[in-house]
Amino acid sequence: MLTPNPARGEVVVTLAGAPRRLCLTLGALARIEAALNLADWSQLPDRIATLTAAELSAILAALLDGGGEAPEIAARATVPEAAGALAAALAACA
């Protein structure tokens, strides 16, 4: 079983049938900013409310990579899994 490091903002969620570590690192933030074409981070809440499936997958890939997991796993996650994982990762950083 994976153990998350809460001091680092890590969370472990089940994606594609296995536990996966997610982390919102600076690199993940940069990838998310680019994927969503954000001018600044104040736009993030509105953009999250209108994500496409491709954008959700790109965000999940960035969070997986930040947690040391293979970003390709994002493509195998269901939409409910991906949405739940994104919510858990954001809550871990709050």
Protein backbone atom coordinates (compact mmCIF):
# COMPACT_ATOMS: atom_id res chain seq x y z
CA MET A 1 0.00 0.00 0.00
CA LEU A 2 1.26 3.45 -0.88
CA THR A 3 1.58 5.88 1.99
CA PRO A 4 1.13 9.56 1.11
CA ASN A 5 3.32 12.29 2.57
CA PRO A 6 0.81 14.92 3.75
CA ALA A 7 3.58 17.46 4.35
CA ARG A 8 4.24 17.34 0.62
CA GLY A 9 0.55 17.51 -0.30
CA GLU A 10 0.44 13.94 -1.57
CA VAL A 11 -2.72 11.87 -1.79
CA VAL A 12 -3.27 8.23 -2.78
CA VAL A 13 -6.30 7.42 -4.92
CA THR A 14 -7.43 4.40 -6.91
CA LEU A 15 -7.05 4.84 -10.65
CA ALA A 16 -7.31 2.11 -13.28
CA GLY A 17 -7.69 -0.49 -10.55
CA ALA A 18 -4.64 0.32 -8.46
CA PRO A 19 -3.59 2.83 -5.79
CA ARG A 20 -1.71 5.79 -7.28
CA ARG A 21 0.11 8.68 -5.62
CA LEU A 22 -0.76 12.21 -6.80
CA CYS A 23 1.04 15.42 -5.89
CA LEU A 24 0.57 19.01 -6.96
CA THR A 25 4.22 19.97 -7.48
CA LEU A 26 5.56 23.12 -9.13
CA GLY A 27 6.11 21.10 -12.30
CA ALA A 28 2.53 19.84 -12.18
CA LEU A 29 1.29 23.39 -11.69
CA ALA A 30 3.21 24.54 -14.76
CA ARG A 31 1.80 21.68 -16.85
CA ILE A 32 -1.74 22.43 -15.66
CA GLU A 33 -1.34 26.13 -16.41
CA ALA A 34 -0.19 25.31 -19.95
CA ALA A 35 -2.90 22.68 -20.54
CA LEU A 36 -5.64 25.10 -19.50
CA ASN A 37 -4.15 28.21 -21.16
CA LEU A 38 -4.40 30.15 -17.91
CA ALA A 39 -3.28 33.78 -17.91
CA ASP A 40 -3.18 33.63 -14.11
CA TRP A 41 -4.25 31.28 -11.35
CA SER A 42 -7.35 33.27 -10.42
CA GLN A 43 -8.95 31.72 -13.53
CA LEU A 44 -8.51 28.17 -12.22
CA PRO A 45 -11.86 27.76 -10.39
CA ASP A 46 -13.85 28.82 -13.45
CA ARG A 47 -11.79 26.60 -15.76
CA ILE A 48 -12.19 23.56 -13.51
CA ALA A 49 -15.96 24.01 -13.74
CA THR A 50 -15.81 23.73 -17.55
CA LEU A 51 -13.09 21.13 -18.18
CA THR A 52 -13.16 18.94 -21.24
CA ALA A 53 -12.29 15.26 -20.89
CA ALA A 54 -8.92 15.94 -22.55
CA GLU A 55 -8.15 18.75 -20.09
CA LEU A 56 -9.13 16.56 -17.13
CA SER A 57 -6.82 13.84 -18.42
CA ALA A 58 -3.97 16.36 -18.86
CA ILE A 59 -4.41 17.61 -15.29
CA LEU A 60 -4.50 14.07 -13.95
CA ALA A 61 -1.34 13.20 -15.90
CA ALA A 62 0.44 16.19 -14.34
CA LEU A 63 -0.67 15.16 -10.84
CA LEU A 64 0.42 11.56 -11.44
CA ASP A 65 3.81 12.71 -12.67
CA GLY A 66 4.15 14.95 -9.61
CA GLY A 67 3.51 11.90 -7.44
CA GLY A 68 6.14 9.83 -9.22
CA GLU A 69 3.62 7.76 -11.17
CA ALA A 70 3.45 7.16 -14.92
CA PRO A 71 1.42 9.98 -16.51
CA GLU A 72 0.01 7.52 -19.09
CA ILE A 73 -2.20 6.05 -16.36
CA ALA A 74 -4.45 9.11 -16.75
CA ALA A 75 -5.68 7.77 -20.09
CA ARG A 76 -6.94 4.58 -18.41
CA ALA A 77 -8.89 6.33 -15.64
CA THR A 78 -12.65 6.71 -15.88
CA VAL A 79 -14.11 10.21 -15.77
CA PRO A 80 -15.52 9.69 -12.24
CA GLU A 81 -12.13 8.37 -11.06
CA ALA A 82 -10.32 11.32 -12.65
CA ALA A 83 -12.73 13.89 -11.19
CA GLY A 84 -12.50 12.33 -7.73
CA ALA A 85 -8.71 12.19 -7.96
CA LEU A 86 -8.53 15.86 -8.94
CA ALA A 87 -10.78 16.82 -6.02
CA ALA A 88 -8.68 14.74 -3.59
CA ALA A 89 -5.41 16.25 -4.86
CA LEU A 90 -6.71 19.79 -4.55
CA ALA A 91 -8.10 19.11 -1.06
CA ALA A 92 -4.72 17.69 0.04
CA CYS A 93 -3.07 20.97 -0.89
CA ALA A 94 -5.64 23.22 0.80
